[in-house]
Amino acid sequence: KNDEDAFYTTRFAELVDSPIMYAAPDMS
């Protein structure tokens, strides 16, 4: 979906270890 993302991690520590940034796309 364009307005919803889904992520999966094996435990809490992996979740903390995985930052996410949302912004207007500027990626290479």
mmCIF file of all heavy atoms, coordinates in Angstrom:
data_MODEL
# 
_entry.id   MODEL 
# 
loop_
_atom_site.group_PDB 
_atom_site.id 
_atom_site.type_symbol 
_atom_site.label_atom_id 
_atom_site.label_alt_id 
_atom_site.label_comp_id 
_atom_site.label_asym_id 
_atom_site.label_entity_id 
_atom_site.label_seq_id 
_atom_site.pdbx_PDB_ins_code 
_atom_site.Cartn_x 
_atom_site.Cartn_y 
_atom_site.Cartn_z 
_atom_site.occupancy 
_atom_site.B_iso_or_equiv 
_atom_site.pdbx_formal_charge 
_atom_site.auth_seq_id 
_atom_site.auth_comp_id 
_atom_site.auth_asym_id 
_atom_site.auth_atom_id 
_atom_site.pdbx_PDB_model_num 
ATOM 1   N N   . LYS A 1 1  ? 0.830  -1.201  0.000  1.00 0.00 ? 1  LYS A N   1 
ATOM 2   C CA  . LYS A 1 1  ? 0.000  0.000   0.000  1.00 0.00 ? 1  LYS A CA  1 
ATOM 3   C C   . LYS A 1 1  ? 0.870  1.259   0.000  1.00 0.00 ? 1  LYS A C   1 
ATOM 4   O O   . LYS A 1 1  ? 1.981  1.266   0.522  1.00 0.00 ? 1  LYS A O   1 
ATOM 5   C CB  . LYS A 1 1  ? -0.910 0.011   1.230  1.00 0.00 ? 1  LYS A CB  1 
ATOM 6   C CG  . LYS A 1 1  ? -1.952 -1.098  1.255  1.00 0.00 ? 1  LYS A CG  1 
ATOM 7   C CD  . LYS A 1 1  ? -2.835 -0.984  2.493  1.00 0.00 ? 1  LYS A CD  1 
ATOM 8   C CE  . LYS A 1 1  ? -3.876 -2.089  2.542  1.00 0.00 ? 1  LYS A CE  1 
ATOM 9   N NZ  . LYS A 1 1  ? -4.725 -1.998  3.762  1.00 0.00 ? 1  LYS A NZ  1 
ATOM 10  N N   . ASN A 1 2  ? 0.326  2.329   -0.573 1.00 0.00 ? 2  ASN A N   1 
ATOM 11  C CA  . ASN A 1 2  ? 1.063  3.586   -0.645 1.00 0.00 ? 2  ASN A CA  1 
ATOM 12  C C   . ASN A 1 2  ? 1.007  4.395   0.644  1.00 0.00 ? 2  ASN A C   1 
ATOM 13  O O   . ASN A 1 2  ? 1.800  5.316   0.833  1.00 0.00 ? 2  ASN A O   1 
ATOM 14  C CB  . ASN A 1 2  ? 0.532  4.453   -1.795 1.00 0.00 ? 2  ASN A CB  1 
ATOM 15  C CG  . ASN A 1 2  ? 0.817  3.846   -3.152 1.00 0.00 ? 2  ASN A CG  1 
ATOM 16  O OD1 . ASN A 1 2  ? 1.818  3.161   -3.325 1.00 0.00 ? 2  ASN A OD1 1 
ATOM 17  N ND2 . ASN A 1 2  ? -0.072 4.096   -4.108 1.00 0.00 ? 2  ASN A ND2 1 
ATOM 18  N N   . ASP A 1 3  ? 0.031  4.077   1.504  1.00 0.00 ? 3  ASP A N   1 
ATOM 19  C CA  . ASP A 1 3  ? -0.138 4.861   2.729  1.00 0.00 ? 3  ASP A CA  1 
ATOM 20  C C   . ASP A 1 3  ? 0.040  4.027   3.997  1.00 0.00 ? 3  ASP A C   1 
ATOM 21  O O   . ASP A 1 3  ? -0.276 4.478   5.092  1.00 0.00 ? 3  ASP A O   1 
ATOM 22  C CB  . ASP A 1 3  ? -1.505 5.540   2.751  1.00 0.00 ? 3  ASP A CB  1 
ATOM 23  C CG  . ASP A 1 3  ? -2.658 4.546   2.733  1.00 0.00 ? 3  ASP A CG  1 
ATOM 24  O OD1 . ASP A 1 3  ? -2.400 3.334   2.532  1.00 0.00 ? 3  ASP A OD1 1 
ATOM 25  O OD2 . ASP A 1 3  ? -3.810 4.971   2.925  1.00 0.00 ? 3  ASP A OD2 1 
ATOM 26  N N   . GLU A 1 4  ? 0.528  2.807   3.853  1.00 0.00 ? 4  GLU A N   1 
ATOM 27  C CA  . GLU A 1 4  ? 0.743  1.964   5.023  1.00 0.00 ? 4  GLU A CA  1 
ATOM 28  C C   . GLU A 1 4  ? 1.901  1.002   4.772  1.00 0.00 ? 4  GLU A C   1 
ATOM 29  O O   . GLU A 1 4  ? 1.979  0.367   3.728  1.00 0.00 ? 4  GLU A O   1 
ATOM 30  C CB  . GLU A 1 4  ? -0.524 1.172   5.359  1.00 0.00 ? 4  GLU A CB  1 
ATOM 31  C CG  . GLU A 1 4  ? -0.418 0.389   6.655  1.00 0.00 ? 4  GLU A CG  1 
ATOM 32  C CD  . GLU A 1 4  ? -1.733 -0.265  7.049  1.00 0.00 ? 4  GLU A CD  1 
ATOM 33  O OE1 . GLU A 1 4  ? -2.725 -0.119  6.301  1.00 0.00 ? 4  GLU A OE1 1 
ATOM 34  O OE2 . GLU A 1 4  ? -1.779 -0.920  8.104  1.00 0.00 ? 4  GLU A OE2 1 
ATOM 35  N N   . ASP A 1 5  ? 2.796  0.944   5.730  1.00 0.00 ? 5  ASP A N   1 
ATOM 36  C CA  . ASP A 1 5  ? 3.950  0.051   5.627  1.00 0.00 ? 5  ASP A CA  1 
ATOM 37  C C   . ASP A 1 5  ? 3.871  -1.008  6.718  1.00 0.00 ? 5  ASP A C   1 
ATOM 38  O O   . ASP A 1 5  ? 3.305  -0.774  7.799  1.00 0.00 ? 5  ASP A O   1 
ATOM 39  C CB  . ASP A 1 5  ? 5.257  0.838   5.780  1.00 0.00 ? 5  ASP A CB  1 
ATOM 40  C CG  . ASP A 1 5  ? 5.451  1.862   4.679  1.00 0.00 ? 5  ASP A CG  1 
ATOM 41  O OD1 . ASP A 1 5  ? 4.945  1.632   3.570  1.00 0.00 ? 5  ASP A OD1 1 
ATOM 42  O OD2 . ASP A 1 5  ? 6.103  2.898   4.946  1.00 0.00 ? 5  ASP A OD2 1 
ATOM 43  N N   . ALA A 1 6  ? 4.469  -2.168  6.447  1.00 0.00 ? 6  ALA A N   1 
ATOM 44  C CA  . ALA A 1 6  ? 4.484  -3.265  7.416  1.00 0.00 ? 6  ALA A CA  1 
ATOM 45  C C   . ALA A 1 6  ? 5.904  -3.802  7.538  1.00 0.00 ? 6  ALA A C   1 
ATOM 46  O O   . ALA A 1 6  ? 6.547  -4.121  6.537  1.00 0.00 ? 6  ALA A O   1 
ATOM 47  C CB  . ALA A 1 6  ? 3.523  -4.372  6.977  1.00 0.00 ? 6  ALA A CB  1 
ATOM 48  N N   . PHE A 1 7  ? 6.376  -3.879  8.764  1.00 0.00 ? 7  PHE A N   1 
ATOM 49  C CA  . PHE A 1 7  ? 7.716  -4.389  9.028  1.00 0.00 ? 7  PHE A CA  1 
ATOM 50  C C   . PHE A 1 7  ? 7.642  -5.483  10.091 1.00 0.00 ? 7  PHE A C   1 
ATOM 51  O O   . PHE A 1 7  ? 6.735  -5.493  10.928 1.00 0.00 ? 7  PHE A O   1 
ATOM 52  C CB  . PHE A 1 7  ? 8.642  -3.266  9.521  1.00 0.00 ? 7  PHE A CB  1 
ATOM 53  C CG  . PHE A 1 7  ? 8.732  -2.091  8.593  1.00 0.00 ? 7  PHE A CG  1 
ATOM 54  C CD1 . PHE A 1 7  ? 8.015  -0.928  8.843  1.00 0.00 ? 7  PHE A CD1 1 
ATOM 55  C CD2 . PHE A 1 7  ? 9.525  -2.144  7.457  1.00 0.00 ? 7  PHE A CD2 1 
ATOM 56  C CE1 . PHE A 1 7  ? 8.095  0.160   8.000  1.00 0.00 ? 7  PHE A CE1 1 
ATOM 57  C CE2 . PHE A 1 7  ? 9.614  -1.057  6.593  1.00 0.00 ? 7  PHE A CE2 1 
ATOM 58  C CZ  . PHE A 1 7  ? 8.896  0.097   6.867  1.00 0.00 ? 7  PHE A CZ  1 
ATOM 59  N N   . TYR A 1 8  ? 8.605  -6.376  10.060 1.00 0.00 ? 8  TYR A N   1 
ATOM 60  C CA  . TYR A 1 8  ? 8.629  -7.497  11.000 1.00 0.00 ? 8  TYR A CA  1 
ATOM 61  C C   . TYR A 1 8  ? 10.030 -7.616  11.585 1.00 0.00 ? 8  TYR A C   1 
ATOM 62  O O   . TYR A 1 8  ? 11.024 -7.559  10.859 1.00 0.00 ? 8  TYR A O   1 
ATOM 63  C CB  . TYR A 1 8  ? 8.256  -8.790  10.275 1.00 0.00 ? 8  TYR A CB  1 
ATOM 64  C CG  . TYR A 1 8  ? 8.230  -10.023 11.162 1.00 0.00 ? 8  TYR A CG  1 
ATOM 65  C CD1 . TYR A 1 8  ? 7.075  -10.378 11.852 1.00 0.00 ? 8  TYR A CD1 1 
ATOM 66  C CD2 . TYR A 1 8  ? 9.365  -10.816 11.314 1.00 0.00 ? 8  TYR A CD2 1 
ATOM 67  C CE1 . TYR A 1 8  ? 7.040  -11.498 12.668 1.00 0.00 ? 8  TYR A CE1 1 
ATOM 68  C CE2 . TYR A 1 8  ? 9.351  -11.933 12.137 1.00 0.00 ? 8  TYR A CE2 1 
ATOM 69  C CZ  . TYR A 1 8  ? 8.184  -12.276 12.802 1.00 0.00 ? 8  TYR A CZ  1 
ATOM 70  O OH  . TYR A 1 8  ? 8.171  -13.390 13.611 1.00 0.00 ? 8  TYR A OH  1 
ATOM 71  N N   . THR A 1 9  ? 10.098 -7.766  12.906 1.00 0.00 ? 9  THR A N   1 
ATOM 72  C CA  . THR A 1 9  ? 11.385 -8.016  13.552 1.00 0.00 ? 9  THR A CA  1 
ATOM 73  C C   . THR A 1 9  ? 11.255 -9.211  14.479 1.00 0.00 ? 9  THR A C   1 
ATOM 74  O O   . THR A 1 9  ? 10.172 -9.519  14.975 1.00 0.00 ? 9  THR A O   1 
ATOM 75  C CB  . THR A 1 9  ? 11.862 -6.794  14.368 1.00 0.00 ? 9  THR A CB  1 
ATOM 76  O OG1 . THR A 1 9  ? 10.974 -6.564  15.469 1.00 0.00 ? 9  THR A OG1 1 
ATOM 77  C CG2 . THR A 1 9  ? 11.931 -5.559  13.503 1.00 0.00 ? 9  THR A CG2 1 
ATOM 78  N N   . THR A 1 10 ? 12.375 -9.883  14.717 1.00 0.00 ? 10 THR A N   1 
ATOM 79  C CA  . THR A 1 10 ? 12.351 -11.120 15.491 1.00 0.00 ? 10 THR A CA  1 
ATOM 80  C C   . THR A 1 10 ? 12.170 -10.900 16.982 1.00 0.00 ? 10 THR A C   1 
ATOM 81  O O   . THR A 1 10 ? 11.751 -11.804 17.694 1.00 0.00 ? 10 THR A O   1 
ATOM 82  C CB  . THR A 1 10 ? 13.653 -11.916 15.270 1.00 0.00 ? 10 THR A CB  1 
ATOM 83  O OG1 . THR A 1 10 ? 14.768 -11.095 15.650 1.00 0.00 ? 10 THR A OG1 1 
ATOM 84  C CG2 . THR A 1 10 ? 13.783 -12.321 13.811 1.00 0.00 ? 10 THR A CG2 1 
ATOM 85  N N   . ARG A 1 11 ? 12.505 -9.715  17.469 1.00 0.00 ? 11 ARG A N   1 
ATOM 86  C CA  . ARG A 1 11 ? 12.322 -9.393  18.885 1.00 0.00 ? 11 ARG A CA  1 
ATOM 87  C C   . ARG A 1 11 ? 12.504 -7.897  19.099 1.00 0.00 ? 11 ARG A C   1 
ATOM 88  O O   . ARG A 1 11 ? 12.841 -7.150  18.167 1.00 0.00 ? 11 ARG A O   1 
ATOM 89  C CB  . ARG A 1 11 ? 13.258 -10.212 19.773 1.00 0.00 ? 11 ARG A CB  1 
ATOM 90  C CG  . ARG A 1 11 ? 14.741 -10.044 19.493 1.00 0.00 ? 11 ARG A CG  1 
ATOM 91  C CD  . ARG A 1 11 ? 15.572 -10.890 20.452 1.00 0.00 ? 11 ARG A CD  1 
ATOM 92  N NE  . ARG A 1 11 ? 16.996 -10.724 20.242 1.00 0.00 ? 11 ARG A NE  1 
ATOM 93  C CZ  . ARG A 1 11 ? 17.887 -10.715 21.237 1.00 0.00 ? 11 ARG A CZ  1 
ATOM 94  N NH1 . ARG A 1 11 ? 17.495 -10.850 22.476 1.00 0.00 ? 11 ARG A NH1 1 
ATOM 95  N NH2 . ARG A 1 11 ? 19.174 -10.582 20.976 1.00 0.00 ? 11 ARG A NH2 1 
ATOM 96  N N   . PHE A 1 12 ? 12.297 -7.449  20.342 1.00 0.00 ? 12 PHE A N   1 
ATOM 97  C CA  . PHE A 1 12 ? 12.342 -6.026  20.656 1.00 0.00 ? 12 PHE A CA  1 
ATOM 98  C C   . PHE A 1 12 ? 13.691 -5.411  20.317 1.00 0.00 ? 12 PHE A C   1 
ATOM 99  O O   . PHE A 1 12 ? 13.771 -4.301  19.774 1.00 0.00 ? 12 PHE A O   1 
ATOM 100 C CB  . PHE A 1 12 ? 12.017 -5.814  22.142 1.00 0.00 ? 12 PHE A CB  1 
ATOM 101 C CG  . PHE A 1 12 ? 12.078 -4.381  22.575 1.00 0.00 ? 12 PHE A CG  1 
ATOM 102 C CD1 . PHE A 1 12 ? 11.110 -3.475  22.164 1.00 0.00 ? 12 PHE A CD1 1 
ATOM 103 C CD2 . PHE A 1 12 ? 13.104 -3.921  23.396 1.00 0.00 ? 12 PHE A CD2 1 
ATOM 104 C CE1 . PHE A 1 12 ? 11.148 -2.142  22.566 1.00 0.00 ? 12 PHE A CE1 1 
ATOM 105 C CE2 . PHE A 1 12 ? 13.157 -2.590  23.794 1.00 0.00 ? 12 PHE A CE2 1 
ATOM 106 C CZ  . PHE A 1 12 ? 12.177 -1.698  23.379 1.00 0.00 ? 12 PHE A CZ  1 
ATOM 107 N N   . ALA A 1 13 ? 14.761 -6.123  20.627 1.00 0.00 ? 13 ALA A N   1 
ATOM 108 C CA  . ALA A 1 13 ? 16.095 -5.580  20.375 1.00 0.00 ? 13 ALA A CA  1 
ATOM 109 C C   . ALA A 1 13 ? 16.320 -5.281  18.907 1.00 0.00 ? 13 ALA A C   1 
ATOM 110 O O   . ALA A 1 13 ? 16.968 -4.298  18.549 1.00 0.00 ? 13 ALA A O   1 
ATOM 111 C CB  . ALA A 1 13 ? 17.158 -6.550  20.883 1.00 0.00 ? 13 ALA A CB  1 
ATOM 112 N N   . GLU A 1 14 ? 15.789 -6.117  18.027 1.00 0.00 ? 14 GLU A N   1 
ATOM 113 C CA  . GLU A 1 14 ? 15.929 -5.854  16.593 1.00 0.00 ? 14 GLU A CA  1 
ATOM 114 C C   . GLU A 1 14 ? 15.107 -4.647  16.180 1.00 0.00 ? 14 GLU A C   1 
ATOM 115 O O   . GLU A 1 14 ? 15.512 -3.872  15.304 1.00 0.00 ? 14 GLU A O   1 
ATOM 116 C CB  . GLU A 1 14 ? 15.500 -7.075  15.782 1.00 0.00 ? 14 GLU A CB  1 
ATOM 117 C CG  . GLU A 1 14 ? 15.741 -6.885  14.291 1.00 0.00 ? 14 GLU A CG  1 
ATOM 118 C CD  . GLU A 1 14 ? 15.234 -8.049  13.453 1.00 0.00 ? 14 GLU A CD  1 
ATOM 119 O OE1 . GLU A 1 14 ? 14.818 -9.067  14.037 1.00 0.00 ? 14 GLU A OE1 1 
ATOM 120 O OE2 . GLU A 1 14 ? 15.264 -7.921  12.216 1.00 0.00 ? 14 GLU A OE2 1 
ATOM 121 N N   . LEU A 1 15 ? 13.953 -4.462  16.802 1.00 0.00 ? 15 LEU A N   1 
ATOM 122 C CA  . LEU A 1 15 ? 13.124 -3.292  16.515 1.00 0.00 ? 15 LEU A CA  1 
ATOM 123 C C   . LEU A 1 15 ? 13.878 -2.010  16.866 1.00 0.00 ? 15 LEU A C   1 
ATOM 124 O O   . LEU A 1 15 ? 13.929 -1.060  16.076 1.00 0.00 ? 15 LEU A O   1 
ATOM 125 C CB  . LEU A 1 15 ? 11.818 -3.380  17.314 1.00 0.00 ? 15 LEU A CB  1 
ATOM 126 C CG  . LEU A 1 15 ? 10.768 -2.311  17.043 1.00 0.00 ? 15 LEU A CG  1 
ATOM 127 C CD1 . LEU A 1 15 ? 10.204 -2.457  15.634 1.00 0.00 ? 15 LEU A CD1 1 
ATOM 128 C CD2 . LEU A 1 15 ? 9.644  -2.396  18.077 1.00 0.00 ? 15 LEU A CD2 1 
ATOM 129 N N   . VAL A 1 16 ? 14.510 -1.988  18.038 1.00 0.00 ? 16 VAL A N   1 
ATOM 130 C CA  . VAL A 1 16 ? 15.290 -0.830  18.473 1.00 0.00 ? 16 VAL A CA  1 
ATOM 131 C C   . VAL A 1 16 ? 16.482 -0.606  17.547 1.00 0.00 ? 16 VAL A C   1 
ATOM 132 O O   . VAL A 1 16 ? 16.926 0.522   17.350 1.00 0.00 ? 16 VAL A O   1 
ATOM 133 C CB  . VAL A 1 16 ? 15.752 -1.034  19.927 1.00 0.00 ? 16 VAL A CB  1 
ATOM 134 C CG1 . VAL A 1 16 ? 16.747 0.041   20.349 1.00 0.00 ? 16 VAL A CG1 1 
ATOM 135 C CG2 . VAL A 1 16 ? 14.559 -1.041  20.868 1.00 0.00 ? 16 VAL A CG2 1 
ATOM 136 N N   . ASP A 1 17 ? 16.968 -1.678  16.972 1.00 0.00 ? 17 ASP A N   1 
ATOM 137 C CA  . ASP A 1 17 ? 18.156 -1.631  16.117 1.00 0.00 ? 17 ASP A CA  1 
ATOM 138 C C   . ASP A 1 17 ? 17.842 -1.182  14.690 1.00 0.00 ? 17 ASP A C   1 
ATOM 139 O O   . ASP A 1 17 ? 18.727 -1.140  13.848 1.00 0.00 ? 17 ASP A O   1 
ATOM 140 C CB  . ASP A 1 17 ? 18.780 -3.031  16.078 1.00 0.00 ? 17 ASP A CB  1 
ATOM 141 C CG  . ASP A 1 17 ? 20.176 -3.037  15.497 1.00 0.00 ? 17 ASP A CG  1 
ATOM 142 O OD1 . ASP A 1 17 ? 20.973 -2.150  15.844 1.00 0.00 ? 17 ASP A OD1 1 
ATOM 143 O OD2 . ASP A 1 17 ? 20.470 -3.928  14.691 1.00 0.00 ? 17 ASP A OD2 1 
ATOM 144 N N   . SER A 1 18 ? 16.576 -0.816  14.421 1.00 0.00 ? 18 SER A N   1 
ATOM 145 C CA  . SER A 1 18 ? 16.148 -0.569  13.039 1.00 0.00 ? 18 SER A CA  1 
ATOM 146 C C   . SER A 1 18 ? 15.431 0.769   12.898 1.00 0.00 ? 18 SER A C   1 
ATOM 147 O O   . SER A 1 18 ? 14.199 0.835   12.856 1.00 0.00 ? 18 SER A O   1 
ATOM 148 C CB  . SER A 1 18 ? 15.214 -1.704  12.580 1.00 0.00 ? 18 SER A CB  1 
ATOM 149 O OG  . SER A 1 18 ? 15.822 -2.963  12.776 1.00 0.00 ? 18 SER A OG  1 
ATOM 150 N N   . PRO A 1 19 ? 16.156 1.878   12.824 1.00 0.00 ? 19 PRO A N   1 
ATOM 151 C CA  . PRO A 1 19 ? 15.516 3.188   12.664 1.00 0.00 ? 19 PRO A CA  1 
ATOM 152 C C   . PRO A 1 19 ? 14.838 3.318   11.308 1.00 0.00 ? 19 PRO A C   1 
ATOM 153 O O   . PRO A 1 19 ? 15.252 2.700   10.322 1.00 0.00 ? 19 PRO A O   1 
ATOM 154 C CB  . PRO A 1 19 ? 16.682 4.164   12.795 1.00 0.00 ? 19 PRO A CB  1 
ATOM 155 C CG  . PRO A 1 19 ? 17.878 3.382   12.358 1.00 0.00 ? 19 PRO A CG  1 
ATOM 156 C CD  . PRO A 1 19 ? 17.627 1.983   12.830 1.00 0.00 ? 19 PRO A CD  1 
ATOM 157 N N   . ILE A 1 20 ? 13.787 4.132   11.278 1.00 0.00 ? 20 ILE A N   1 
ATOM 158 C CA  . ILE A 1 20 ? 13.037 4.401   10.050 1.00 0.00 ? 20 ILE A CA  1 
ATOM 159 C C   . ILE A 1 20 ? 12.850 5.907   9.942  1.00 0.00 ? 20 ILE A C   1 
ATOM 160 O O   . ILE A 1 20 ? 12.547 6.577   10.938 1.00 0.00 ? 20 ILE A O   1 
ATOM 161 C CB  . ILE A 1 20 ? 11.658 3.719   10.067 1.00 0.00 ? 20 ILE A CB  1 
ATOM 162 C CG1 . ILE A 1 20 ? 11.788 2.221   10.357 1.00 0.00 ? 20 ILE A CG1 1 
ATOM 163 C CG2 . ILE A 1 20 ? 10.924 3.938   8.745  1.00 0.00 ? 20 ILE A CG2 1 
ATOM 164 C CD1 . ILE A 1 20 ? 10.457 1.532   10.639 1.00 0.00 ? 20 ILE A CD1 1 
ATOM 165 N N   . MET A 1 21 ? 13.051 6.455   8.765  1.00 0.00 ? 21 MET A N   1 
ATOM 166 C CA  . MET A 1 21 ? 12.790 7.885   8.552  1.00 0.00 ? 21 MET A CA  1 
ATOM 167 C C   . MET A 1 21 ? 11.779 8.046   7.437  1.00 0.00 ? 21 MET A C   1 
ATOM 168 O O   . MET A 1 21 ? 11.899 7.436   6.361  1.00 0.00 ? 21 MET A O   1 
ATOM 169 C CB  . MET A 1 21 ? 14.075 8.638   8.205  1.00 0.00 ? 21 MET A CB  1 
ATOM 170 C CG  . MET A 1 21 ? 13.839 10.140  8.035  1.00 0.00 ? 21 MET A CG  1 
ATOM 171 S SD  . MET A 1 21 ? 15.362 11.135  7.929  1.00 0.00 ? 21 MET A SD  1 
ATOM 172 C CE  . MET A 1 21 ? 15.958 10.700  6.278  1.00 0.00 ? 21 MET A CE  1 
ATOM 173 N N   . TYR A 1 22 ? 10.750 8.867   7.692  1.00 0.00 ? 22 TYR A N   1 
ATOM 174 C CA  . TYR A 1 22 ? 9.755  9.215   6.684  1.00 0.00 ? 22 TYR A CA  1 
ATOM 175 C C   . TYR A 1 22 ? 9.979  10.647  6.230  1.00 0.00 ? 22 TYR A C   1 
ATOM 176 O O   . TYR A 1 22 ? 10.096 11.563  7.056  1.00 0.00 ? 22 TYR A O   1 
ATOM 177 C CB  . TYR A 1 22 ? 8.342  9.071   7.246  1.00 0.00 ? 22 TYR A CB  1 
ATOM 178 C CG  . TYR A 1 22 ? 7.855  7.632   7.301  1.00 0.00 ? 22 TYR A CG  1 
ATOM 179 C CD1 . TYR A 1 22 ? 8.094  6.851   8.413  1.00 0.00 ? 22 TYR A CD1 1 
ATOM 180 C CD2 . TYR A 1 22 ? 7.166  7.074   6.232  1.00 0.00 ? 22 TYR A CD2 1 
ATOM 181 C CE1 . TYR A 1 22 ? 7.658  5.536   8.472  1.00 0.00 ? 22 TYR A CE1 1 
ATOM 182 C CE2 . TYR A 1 22 ? 6.725  5.756   6.265  1.00 0.00 ? 22 TYR A CE2 1 
ATOM 183 C CZ  . TYR A 1 22 ? 6.977  4.991   7.395  1.00 0.00 ? 22 TYR A CZ  1 
ATOM 184 O OH  . TYR A 1 22 ? 6.548  3.682   7.434  1.00 0.00 ? 22 TYR A OH  1 
ATOM 185 N N   . ALA A 1 23 ? 10.037 10.844  4.922  1.00 0.00 ? 23 ALA A N   1 
ATOM 186 C CA  . ALA A 1 23 ? 10.225 12.175  4.349  1.00 0.00 ? 23 ALA A CA  1 
ATOM 187 C C   . ALA A 1 23 ? 9.852  12.121  2.876  1.00 0.00 ? 23 ALA A C   1 
ATOM 188 O O   . ALA A 1 23 ? 9.627  11.033  2.312  1.00 0.00 ? 23 ALA A O   1 
ATOM 189 C CB  . ALA A 1 23 ? 11.673 12.627  4.518  1.00 0.00 ? 23 ALA A CB  1 
ATOM 190 N N   . ALA A 1 24 ? 9.767  13.286  2.252  1.00 0.00 ? 24 ALA A N   1 
ATOM 191 C CA  . ALA A 1 24 ? 9.620  13.313  0.797  1.00 0.00 ? 24 ALA A CA  1 
ATOM 192 C C   . ALA A 1 24 ? 10.813 12.583  0.204  1.00 0.00 ? 24 ALA A C   1 
ATOM 193 O O   . ALA A 1 24 ? 11.939 12.736  0.685  1.00 0.00 ? 24 ALA A O   1 
ATOM 194 C CB  . ALA A 1 24 ? 9.555  14.751  0.302  1.00 0.00 ? 24 ALA A CB  1 
ATOM 195 N N   . PRO A 1 25 ? 10.577 11.772  -0.810 1.00 0.00 ? 25 PRO A N   1 
ATOM 196 C CA  . PRO A 1 25 ? 11.658 10.901  -1.288 1.00 0.00 ? 25 PRO A CA  1 
ATOM 197 C C   . PRO A 1 25 ? 12.876 11.649  -1.811 1.00 0.00 ? 25 PRO A C   1 
ATOM 198 O O   . PRO A 1 25 ? 12.780 12.458  -2.714 1.00 0.00 ? 25 PRO A O   1 
ATOM 199 C CB  . PRO A 1 25 ? 10.987 10.086  -2.401 1.00 0.00 ? 25 PRO A CB  1 
ATOM 200 C CG  . PRO A 1 25 ? 9.780  10.859  -2.794 1.00 0.00 ? 25 PRO A CG  1 
ATOM 201 C CD  . PRO A 1 25 ? 9.332  11.588  -1.569 1.00 0.00 ? 25 PRO A CD  1 
ATOM 202 N N   . ASP A 1 26 ? 14.011 11.391  -1.193 1.00 0.00 ? 26 ASP A N   1 
ATOM 203 C CA  . ASP A 1 26 ? 15.323 11.819  -1.677 1.00 0.00 ? 26 ASP A CA  1 
ATOM 204 C C   . ASP A 1 26 ? 16.281 10.687  -1.351 1.00 0.00 ? 26 ASP A C   1 
ATOM 205 O O   . ASP A 1 26 ? 17.001 10.729  -0.358 1.00 0.00 ? 26 ASP A O   1 
ATOM 206 C CB  . ASP A 1 26 ? 15.763 13.124  -1.026 1.00 0.00 ? 26 ASP A CB  1 
ATOM 207 C CG  . ASP A 1 26 ? 17.110 13.614  -1.562 1.00 0.00 ? 26 ASP A CG  1 
ATOM 208 O OD1 . ASP A 1 26 ? 17.650 12.959  -2.488 1.00 0.00 ? 26 ASP A OD1 1 
ATOM 209 O OD2 . ASP A 1 26 ? 17.635 14.616  -1.046 1.00 0.00 ? 26 ASP A OD2 1 
ATOM 210 N N   . MET A 1 27 ? 16.283 9.666   -2.174 1.00 0.00 ? 27 MET A N   1 
ATOM 211 C CA  . MET A 1 27 ? 17.051 8.459   -1.921 1.00 0.00 ? 27 MET A CA  1 
ATOM 212 C C   . MET A 1 27 ? 17.850 8.061   -3.149 1.00 0.00 ? 27 MET A C   1 
ATOM 213 O O   . MET A 1 27 ? 17.367 8.168   -4.269 1.00 0.00 ? 27 MET A O   1 
ATOM 214 C CB  . MET A 1 27 ? 16.130 7.308   -1.511 1.00 0.00 ? 27 MET A CB  1 
ATOM 215 C CG  . MET A 1 27 ? 15.469 7.500   -0.162 1.00 0.00 ? 27 MET A CG  1 
ATOM 216 S SD  . MET A 1 27 ? 14.362 6.137   0.295  1.00 0.00 ? 27 MET A SD  1 
ATOM 217 C CE  . MET A 1 27 ? 12.919 6.571   -0.669 1.00 0.00 ? 27 MET A CE  1 
ATOM 218 N N   . SER A 1 28 ? 19.061 7.610   -2.907 1.00 0.00 ? 28 SER A N   1 
ATOM 219 C CA  . SER A 1 28 ? 19.922 7.072   -3.957 1.00 0.00 ? 28 SER A CA  1 
ATOM 220 C C   . SER A 1 28 ? 20.582 5.813   -3.412 1.00 0.00 ? 28 SER A C   1 
ATOM 221 O O   . SER A 1 28 ? 20.689 5.633   -2.198 1.00 0.00 ? 28 SER A O   1 
ATOM 222 C CB  . SER A 1 28 ? 20.985 8.096   -4.373 1.00 0.00 ? 28 SER A CB  1 
ATOM 223 O OG  . SER A 1 28 ? 20.397 9.283   -4.862 1.00 0.00 ? 28 SER A OG  1 
# 
